[in-house]
Amino acid sequence: MRQIDAQVAKAAEKALTTPEGKLLVDFLVGASGLIERTFIADTSGHVDPYRAAIRDGERAIVSLICKLQKGELQYEQHDN
């Protein structure tokens, strides 16, 4: 599982669970097509693998943000 600094994870969860944060996450989920397919044919019926890879990368970032919002990531404790 992805490791993230505990302070960053807690700050992200706090920011993303505000009404504004929830609105932003909802927008990003829709804009990135997170709940849609990655390989979508164009109007001529062809799938562009480069476009699909870019779309997959965008979805991965939004997925990470959703996990941060829900506090689902493991994080590293640092002794300061």
PDB file of N, CA and C in Angstrom:
ATOM      1  N   MET A   1       0.841  -1.185   0.000  1.00  0.00           N
ATOM      2  CA  MET A   1       0.000   0.000   0.000  1.00  0.00           C
ATOM      3  C   MET A   1       0.883   1.245   0.000  1.00  0.00           C
ATOM      4  N   ARG A   2       0.401   2.307  -0.595  1.00  0.00           N
ATOM      5  CA  ARG A   2       1.131   3.568  -0.688  1.00  0.00           C
ATOM      6  C   ARG A   2       1.420   4.120   0.703  1.00  0.00           C
ATOM      7  N   GLN A   3       2.625   4.612   0.893  1.00  0.00           N
ATOM      8  CA  GLN A   3       3.014   5.227   2.162  1.00  0.00           C
ATOM      9  C   GLN A   3       2.987   6.744   2.008  1.00  0.00           C
ATOM     10  N   ILE A   4       2.504   7.419   3.022  1.00  0.00           N
ATOM     11  CA  ILE A   4       2.430   8.874   2.995  1.00  0.00           C
ATOM     12  C   ILE A   4       2.732   9.381   4.401  1.00  0.00           C
ATOM     13  N   ASP A   5       3.310  10.542   4.480  1.00  0.00           N
ATOM     14  CA  ASP A   5       3.623  11.146   5.766  1.00  0.00           C
ATOM     15  C   ASP A   5       2.332  11.359   6.561  1.00  0.00           C
ATOM     16  N   ALA A   6       2.333  11.014   7.839  1.00  0.00           N
ATOM     17  CA  ALA A   6       1.142  11.098   8.680  1.00  0.00           C
ATOM     18  C   ALA A   6       0.577  12.511   8.738  1.00  0.00           C
ATOM     19  N   GLN A   7       1.438  13.503   8.831  1.00  0.00           N
ATOM     20  CA  GLN A   7       0.979  14.889   8.914  1.00  0.00           C
ATOM     21  C   GLN A   7       0.254  15.296   7.634  1.00  0.00           C
ATOM     22  N   VAL A   8       0.805  14.885   6.489  1.00  0.00           N
ATOM     23  CA  VAL A   8       0.176  15.197   5.205  1.00  0.00           C
ATOM     24  C   VAL A   8      -1.164  14.475   5.080  1.00  0.00           C
ATOM     25  N   ALA A   9      -1.203  13.203   5.456  1.00  0.00           N
ATOM     26  CA  ALA A   9      -2.436  12.422   5.357  1.00  0.00           C
ATOM     27  C   ALA A   9      -3.538  13.016   6.223  1.00  0.00           C
ATOM     28  N   LYS A  10      -3.200  13.399   7.436  1.00  0.00           N
ATOM     29  CA  LYS A  10      -4.199  13.975   8.343  1.00  0.00           C
ATOM     30  C   LYS A  10      -4.672  15.339   7.852  1.00  0.00           C
ATOM     31  N   ALA A  11      -3.759  16.142   7.343  1.00  0.00           N
ATOM     32  CA  ALA A  11      -4.135  17.466   6.824  1.00  0.00           C
ATOM     33  C   ALA A  11      -5.037  17.325   5.597  1.00  0.00           C
ATOM     34  N   ALA A  12      -4.709  16.382   4.724  1.00  0.00           N
ATOM     35  CA  ALA A  12      -5.528  16.163   3.531  1.00  0.00           C
ATOM     36  C   ALA A  12      -6.928  15.696   3.910  1.00  0.00           C
ATOM     37  N   GLU A  13      -7.007  14.749   4.832  1.00  0.00           N
ATOM     38  CA  GLU A  13      -8.313  14.255   5.263  1.00  0.00           C
ATOM     39  C   GLU A  13      -9.153  15.393   5.850  1.00  0.00           C
ATOM     40  N   LYS A  14      -8.527  16.220   6.672  1.00  0.00           N
ATOM     41  CA  LYS A  14      -9.240  17.348   7.287  1.00  0.00           C
ATOM     42  C   LYS A  14      -9.737  18.326   6.223  1.00  0.00           C
ATOM     43  N   ALA A  15      -8.877  18.674   5.274  1.00  0.00           N
ATOM     44  CA  ALA A  15      -9.245  19.634   4.229  1.00  0.00           C
ATOM     45  C   ALA A  15     -10.305  19.072   3.284  1.00  0.00           C
ATOM     46  N   LEU A  16     -10.203  17.790   2.960  1.00  0.00           N
ATOM     47  CA  LEU A  16     -11.097  17.200   1.970  1.00  0.00           C
ATOM     48  C   LEU A  16     -12.453  16.794   2.531  1.00  0.00           C
ATOM     49  N   THR A  17     -12.623  16.854   3.844  1.00  0.00           N
ATOM     50  CA  THR A  17     -13.922  16.517   4.425  1.00  0.00           C
ATOM     51  C   THR A  17     -14.743  17.757   4.780  1.00  0.00           C
ATOM     52  N   THR A  18     -14.210  18.931   4.469  1.00  0.00           N
ATOM     53  CA  THR A  18     -15.001  20.154   4.620  1.00  0.00           C
ATOM     54  C   THR A  18     -16.036  20.177   3.494  1.00  0.00           C
ATOM     55  N   PRO A  19     -17.071  20.991   3.614  1.00  0.00           N
ATOM     56  CA  PRO A  19     -18.031  21.085   2.505  1.00  0.00           C
ATOM     57  C   PRO A  19     -17.353  21.460   1.179  1.00  0.00           C
ATOM     58  N   GLU A  20     -16.399  22.380   1.254  1.00  0.00           N
ATOM     59  CA  GLU A  20     -15.682  22.790   0.036  1.00  0.00           C
ATOM     60  C   GLU A  20     -14.838  21.647  -0.512  1.00  0.00           C
ATOM     61  N   GLY A  21     -14.187  20.908   0.380  1.00  0.00           N
ATOM     62  CA  GLY A  21     -13.371  19.772  -0.037  1.00  0.00           C
ATOM     63  C   GLY A  21     -14.204  18.688  -0.688  1.00  0.00           C
ATOM     64  N   LYS A  22     -15.373  18.421  -0.118  1.00  0.00           N
ATOM     65  CA  LYS A  22     -16.270  17.416  -0.692  1.00  0.00           C
ATOM     66  C   LYS A  22     -16.747  17.847  -2.077  1.00  0.00           C
ATOM     67  N   LEU A  23     -17.057  19.121  -2.231  1.00  0.00           N
ATOM     68  CA  LEU A  23     -17.472  19.649  -3.528  1.00  0.00           C
ATOM     69  C   LEU A  23     -16.353  19.477  -4.553  1.00  0.00           C
ATOM     70  N   LEU A  24     -15.130  19.793  -4.147  1.00  0.00           N
ATOM     71  CA  LEU A  24     -13.984  19.643  -5.038  1.00  0.00           C
ATOM     72  C   LEU A  24     -13.783  18.189  -5.446  1.00  0.00           C
ATOM     73  N   VAL A  25     -13.832  17.273  -4.491  1.00  0.00           N
ATOM     74  CA  VAL A  25     -13.636  15.852  -4.797  1.00  0.00           C
ATOM     75  C   VAL A  25     -14.737  15.359  -5.734  1.00  0.00           C
ATOM     76  N   ASP A  26     -15.968  15.740  -5.480  1.00  0.00           N
ATOM     77  CA  ASP A  26     -17.068  15.343  -6.371  1.00  0.00           C
ATOM     78  C   ASP A  26     -16.825  15.846  -7.791  1.00  0.00           C
ATOM     79  N   PHE A  27     -16.371  17.090  -7.908  1.00  0.00           N
ATOM     80  CA  PHE A  27     -16.058  17.637  -9.233  1.00  0.00           C
ATOM     81  C   PHE A  27     -14.950  16.840  -9.909  1.00  0.00           C
ATOM     82  N   LEU A  28     -13.861  16.543  -9.171  1.00  0.00           N
ATOM     83  CA  LEU A  28     -12.735  15.810  -9.745  1.00  0.00           C
ATOM     84  C   LEU A  28     -13.122  14.398 -10.166  1.00  0.00           C
ATOM     85  N   VAL A  29     -13.968  13.750  -9.387  1.00  0.00           N
ATOM     86  CA  VAL A  29     -14.437  12.406  -9.743  1.00  0.00           C
ATOM     87  C   VAL A  29     -15.168  12.453 -11.087  1.00  0.00           C
ATOM     88  N   GLY A  30     -16.046  13.434 -11.244  1.00  0.00           N
ATOM     89  CA  GLY A  30     -16.777  13.563 -12.504  1.00  0.00           C
ATOM     90  C   GLY A  30     -15.892  13.989 -13.664  1.00  0.00           C
ATOM     91  N   ALA A  31     -15.026  14.965 -13.423  1.00  0.00           N
ATOM     92  CA  ALA A  31     -14.173  15.499 -14.490  1.00  0.00           C
ATOM     93  C   ALA A  31     -13.151  14.482 -14.980  1.00  0.00           C
ATOM     94  N   SER A  32     -12.680  13.625 -14.074  1.00  0.00           N
ATOM     95  CA  SER A  32     -11.658  12.645 -14.467  1.00  0.00           C
ATOM     96  C   SER A  32     -12.263  11.360 -15.001  1.00  0.00           C
ATOM     97  N   GLY A  33     -13.569  11.207 -14.860  1.00  0.00           N
ATOM     98  CA  GLY A  33     -14.209   9.974 -15.307  1.00  0.00           C
ATOM     99  C   GLY A  33     -13.832   8.788 -14.436  1.00  0.00           C
ATOM    100  N   LEU A  34     -13.607   9.039 -13.156  1.00  0.00           N
ATOM    101  CA  LEU A  34     -13.143   7.991 -12.240  1.00  0.00           C
ATOM    102  C   LEU A  34     -14.060   6.776 -12.231  1.00  0.00           C
ATOM    103  N   ILE A  35     -15.336   6.996 -12.359  1.00  0.00           N
ATOM    104  CA  ILE A  35     -16.255   5.862 -12.305  1.00  0.00           C
ATOM    105  C   ILE A  35     -16.661   5.378 -13.698  1.00  0.00           C
ATOM    106  N   GLU A  36     -15.938   5.838 -14.713  1.00  0.00           N
ATOM    107  CA  GLU A  36     -16.200   5.413 -16.090  1.00  0.00           C
ATOM    108  C   GLU A  36     -15.070   4.527 -16.586  1.00  0.00           C
ATOM    109  N   ARG A  37     -15.211   4.021 -17.772  1.00  0.00           N
ATOM    110  CA  ARG A  37     -14.189   3.186 -18.390  1.00  0.00           C
ATOM    111  C   ARG A  37     -12.997   4.033 -18.823  1.00  0.00           C
ATOM    112  N   THR A  38     -11.820   3.421 -18.866  1.00  0.00           N
ATOM    113  CA  THR A  38     -10.616   4.108 -19.324  1.00  0.00           C
ATOM    114  C   THR A  38     -10.507   4.093 -20.844  1.00  0.00           C
ATOM    115  N   PHE A  39     -10.779   2.956 -21.442  1.00  0.00           N
ATOM    116  CA  PHE A  39     -10.638   2.802 -22.885  1.00  0.00           C
ATOM    117  C   PHE A  39     -11.968   3.124 -23.559  1.00  0.00           C
ATOM    118  N   ILE A  40     -12.058   4.351 -24.053  1.00  0.00           N
ATOM    119  CA  ILE A  40     -13.282   4.824 -24.691  1.00  0.00           C
ATOM    120  C   ILE A  40     -12.983   5.079 -26.165  1.00  0.00           C
ATOM    121  N   ALA A  41     -13.805   4.488 -27.015  1.00  0.00           N
ATOM    122  CA  ALA A  41     -13.606   4.664 -28.464  1.00  0.00           C
ATOM    123  C   ALA A  41     -13.988   6.080 -28.872  1.00  0.00           C
ATOM    124  N   ASP A  42     -13.254   6.605 -29.864  1.00  0.00           N
ATOM    125  CA  ASP A  42     -13.592   7.929 -30.389  1.00  0.00           C
ATOM    126  C   ASP A  42     -14.773   7.793 -31.351  1.00  0.00           C
ATOM    127  N   THR A  43     -15.124   8.870 -32.030  1.00  0.00           N
ATOM    128  CA  THR A  43     -16.295   8.852 -32.909  1.00  0.00           C
ATOM    129  C   THR A  43     -16.153   7.884 -34.074  1.00  0.00           C
ATOM    130  N   SER A  44     -14.904   7.548 -34.446  1.00  0.00           N
ATOM    131  CA  SER A  44     -14.696   6.594 -35.534  1.00  0.00           C
ATOM    132  C   SER A  44     -14.573   5.158 -35.033  1.00  0.00           C
ATOM    133  N   GLY A  45     -14.717   4.963 -33.722  1.00  0.00           N
ATOM    134  CA  GLY A  45     -14.673   3.613 -33.170  1.00  0.00           C
ATOM    135  C   GLY A  45     -13.295   3.126 -32.769  1.00  0.00           C
ATOM    136  N   HIS A  46     -12.290   3.985 -32.850  1.00  0.00           N
ATOM    137  CA  HIS A  46     -10.925   3.602 -32.499  1.00  0.00           C
ATOM    138  C   HIS A  46     -10.589   4.028 -31.064  1.00  0.00           C
ATOM    139  N   VAL A  47      -9.741   3.240 -30.429  1.00  0.00           N
ATOM    140  CA  VAL A  47      -9.263   3.569 -29.090  1.00  0.00           C
ATOM    141  C   VAL A  47      -7.818   4.021 -29.204  1.00  0.00           C
ATOM    142  N   ASP A  48      -7.534   5.199 -28.685  1.00  0.00           N
ATOM    143  CA  ASP A  48      -6.174   5.744 -28.691  1.00  0.00           C
ATOM    144  C   ASP A  48      -5.495   5.322 -27.387  1.00  0.00           C
ATOM    145  N   PRO A  49      -4.477   4.441 -27.453  1.00  0.00           N
ATOM    146  CA  PRO A  49      -3.837   3.965 -26.222  1.00  0.00           C
ATOM    147  C   PRO A  49      -3.138   5.079 -25.439  1.00  0.00           C
ATOM    148  N   TYR A  50      -2.654   6.097 -26.125  1.00  0.00           N
ATOM    149  CA  TYR A  50      -2.005   7.211 -25.426  1.00  0.00           C
ATOM    150  C   TYR A  50      -3.036   8.014 -24.631  1.00  0.00           C
ATOM    151  N   ARG A  51      -4.159   8.260 -25.255  1.00  0.00           N
ATOM    152  CA  ARG A  51      -5.234   8.981 -24.568  1.00  0.00           C
ATOM    153  C   ARG A  51      -5.739   8.166 -23.371  1.00  0.00           C
ATOM    154  N   ALA A  52      -5.840   6.858 -23.553  1.00  0.00           N
ATOM    155  CA  ALA A  52      -6.281   5.981 -22.466  1.00  0.00           C
ATOM    156  C   ALA A  52      -5.279   6.005 -21.312  1.00  0.00           C
ATOM    157  N   ALA A  53      -3.993   6.025 -21.632  1.00  0.00           N
ATOM    158  CA  ALA A  53      -2.964   6.063 -20.584  1.00  0.00           C
ATOM    159  C   ALA A  53      -3.013   7.380 -19.819  1.00  0.00           C
ATOM    160  N   ILE A  54      -3.203   8.475 -20.526  1.00  0.00           N
ATOM    161  CA  ILE A  54      -3.324   9.787 -19.870  1.00  0.00           C
ATOM    162  C   ILE A  54      -4.558   9.802 -18.976  1.00  0.00           C
ATOM    163  N   ARG A  55      -5.648   9.293 -19.482  1.00  0.00           N
ATOM    164  CA  ARG A  55      -6.895   9.237 -18.704  1.00  0.00           C
ATOM    165  C   ARG A  55      -6.706   8.370 -17.457  1.00  0.00           C
ATOM    166  N   ASP A  56      -5.999   7.267 -17.602  1.00  0.00           N
ATOM    167  CA  ASP A  56      -5.747   6.393 -16.466  1.00  0.00           C
ATOM    168  C   ASP A  56      -4.917   7.112 -15.406  1.00  0.00           C
ATOM    169  N   GLY A  57      -3.932   7.892 -15.829  1.00  0.00           N
ATOM    170  CA  GLY A  57      -3.116   8.660 -14.886  1.00  0.00           C
ATOM    171  C   GLY A  57      -3.940   9.701 -14.136  1.00  0.00           C
ATOM    172  N   GLU A  58      -4.818  10.380 -14.855  1.00  0.00           N
ATOM    173  CA  GLU A  58      -5.699  11.360 -14.217  1.00  0.00           C
ATOM    174  C   GLU A  58      -6.583  10.679 -13.179  1.00  0.00           C
ATOM    175  N   ARG A  59      -7.119   9.532 -13.540  1.00  0.00           N
ATOM    176  CA  ARG A  59      -7.988   8.798 -12.624  1.00  0.00           C
ATOM    177  C   ARG A  59      -7.222   8.327 -11.394  1.00  0.00           C
ATOM    178  N   ALA A  60      -5.959   7.950 -11.563  1.00  0.00           N
ATOM    179  CA  ALA A  60      -5.153   7.487 -10.428  1.00  0.00           C
ATOM    180  C   ALA A  60      -4.962   8.603  -9.409  1.00  0.00           C
ATOM    181  N   ILE A  61      -4.762   9.816  -9.893  1.00  0.00           N
ATOM    182  CA  ILE A  61      -4.584  10.952  -8.982  1.00  0.00           C
ATOM    183  C   ILE A  61      -5.874  11.222  -8.214  1.00  0.00           C
ATOM    184  N   VAL A  62      -6.998  11.210  -8.906  1.00  0.00           N
ATOM    185  CA  VAL A  62      -8.270  11.456  -8.243  1.00  0.00           C
ATOM    186  C   VAL A  62      -8.581  10.322  -7.264  1.00  0.00           C
ATOM    187  N   SER A  63      -8.228   9.107  -7.628  1.00  0.00           N
ATOM    188  CA  SER A  63      -8.414   7.976  -6.721  1.00  0.00           C
ATOM    189  C   SER A  63      -7.608   8.177  -5.438  1.00  0.00           C
ATOM    190  N   LEU A  64      -6.373   8.649  -5.570  1.00  0.00           N
ATOM    191  CA  LEU A  64      -5.540   8.939  -4.403  1.00  0.00           C
ATOM    192  C   LEU A  64      -6.197  10.010  -3.531  1.00  0.00           C
ATOM    193  N   ILE A  65      -6.721  11.046  -4.150  1.00  0.00           N
ATOM    194  CA  ILE A  65      -7.394  12.112  -3.404  1.00  0.00           C
ATOM    195  C   ILE A  65      -8.605  11.558  -2.659  1.00  0.00           C
ATOM    196  N   CYS A  66      -9.377  10.685  -3.297  1.00  0.00           N
ATOM    197  CA  CYS A  66     -10.541  10.074  -2.640  1.00  0.00           C
ATOM    198  C   CYS A  66     -10.102   9.232  -1.440  1.00  0.00           C
ATOM    199  N   LYS A  67      -9.004   8.513  -1.574  1.00  0.00           N
ATOM    200  CA  LYS A  67      -8.498   7.704  -0.462  1.00  0.00           C
ATOM    201  C   LYS A  67      -8.012   8.594   0.679  1.00  0.00           C
ATOM    202  N   LEU A  68      -7.376   9.698   0.340  1.00  0.00           N
ATOM    203  CA  LEU A  68      -6.953  10.650   1.373  1.00  0.00           C
ATOM    204  C   LEU A  68      -8.168  11.209   2.100  1.00  0.00           C
ATOM    205  N   GLN A  69      -9.204  11.534   1.353  1.00  0.00           N
ATOM    206  CA  GLN A  69     -10.425  12.086   1.941  1.00  0.00           C
ATOM    207  C   GLN A  69     -11.025  11.114   2.953  1.00  0.00           C
ATOM    208  N   LYS A  70     -10.967   9.830   2.637  1.00  0.00           N
ATOM    209  CA  LYS A  70     -11.577   8.809   3.503  1.00  0.00           C
ATOM    210  C   LYS A  70     -10.618   8.294   4.574  1.00  0.00           C
ATOM    211  N   GLY A  71      -9.368   8.786   4.564  1.00  0.00           N
ATOM    212  CA  GLY A  71      -8.385   8.324   5.539  1.00  0.00           C
ATOM    213  C   GLY A  71      -8.005   6.867   5.338  1.00  0.00           C
ATOM    214  N   GLU A  72      -8.023   6.404   4.094  1.00  0.00           N
ATOM    215  CA  GLU A  72      -7.788   4.996   3.795  1.00  0.00           C
ATOM    216  C   GLU A  72      -6.329   4.635   3.519  1.00  0.00           C
ATOM    217  N   LEU A  73      -5.424   5.590   3.552  1.00  0.00           N
ATOM    218  CA  LEU A  73      -4.032   5.293   3.244  1.00  0.00           C
ATOM    219  C   LEU A  73      -3.237   5.020   4.511  1.00  0.00           C
ATOM    220  N   GLN A  74      -2.302   4.109   4.400  1.00  0.00           N
ATOM    221  CA  GLN A  74      -1.358   3.918   5.484  1.00  0.00           C
ATOM    222  C   GLN A  74      -0.383   5.085   5.435  1.00  0.00           C
ATOM    223  N   TYR A  75       0.101   5.473   6.578  1.00  0.00           N
ATOM    224  CA  TYR A  75       1.055   6.573   6.578  1.00  0.00           C
ATOM    225  C   TYR A  75       2.210   6.264   7.494  1.00  0.00           C
ATOM    226  N   GLU A  76       3.301   6.950   7.218  1.00  0.00           N
ATOM    227  CA  GLU A  76       4.528   6.759   7.988  1.00  0.00           C
ATOM    228  C   GLU A  76       4.540   7.727   9.163  1.00  0.00           C
ATOM    229  N   GLN A  77       4.889   7.234  10.318  1.00  0.00           N
ATOM    230  CA  GLN A  77       5.071   8.086  11.484  1.00  0.00           C
ATOM    231  C   GLN A  77       6.524   8.532  11.493  1.00  0.00           C
ATOM    232  N   HIS A  78       6.748   9.808  11.650  1.00  0.00           N
ATOM    233  CA  HIS A  78       8.111  10.346  11.738  1.00  0.00           C
ATOM    234  C   HIS A  78       8.318  10.883  13.149  1.00  0.00           C
ATOM    235  N   ASP A  79       9.408  10.498  13.742  1.00  0.00           N
ATOM    236  CA  ASP A  79       9.754  11.033  15.076  1.00  0.00           C
ATOM    237  C   ASP A  79      10.479  12.350  14.889  1.00  0.00           C
ATOM    238  N   ASN A  80       9.862  13.401  15.369  1.00  0.00           N
ATOM    239  CA  ASN A  80      10.490  14.736  15.262  1.00  0.00           C
ATOM    240  C   ASN A  80      10.955  15.225  16.596  1.00  0.00           C
TER     241      ASN A  80
END
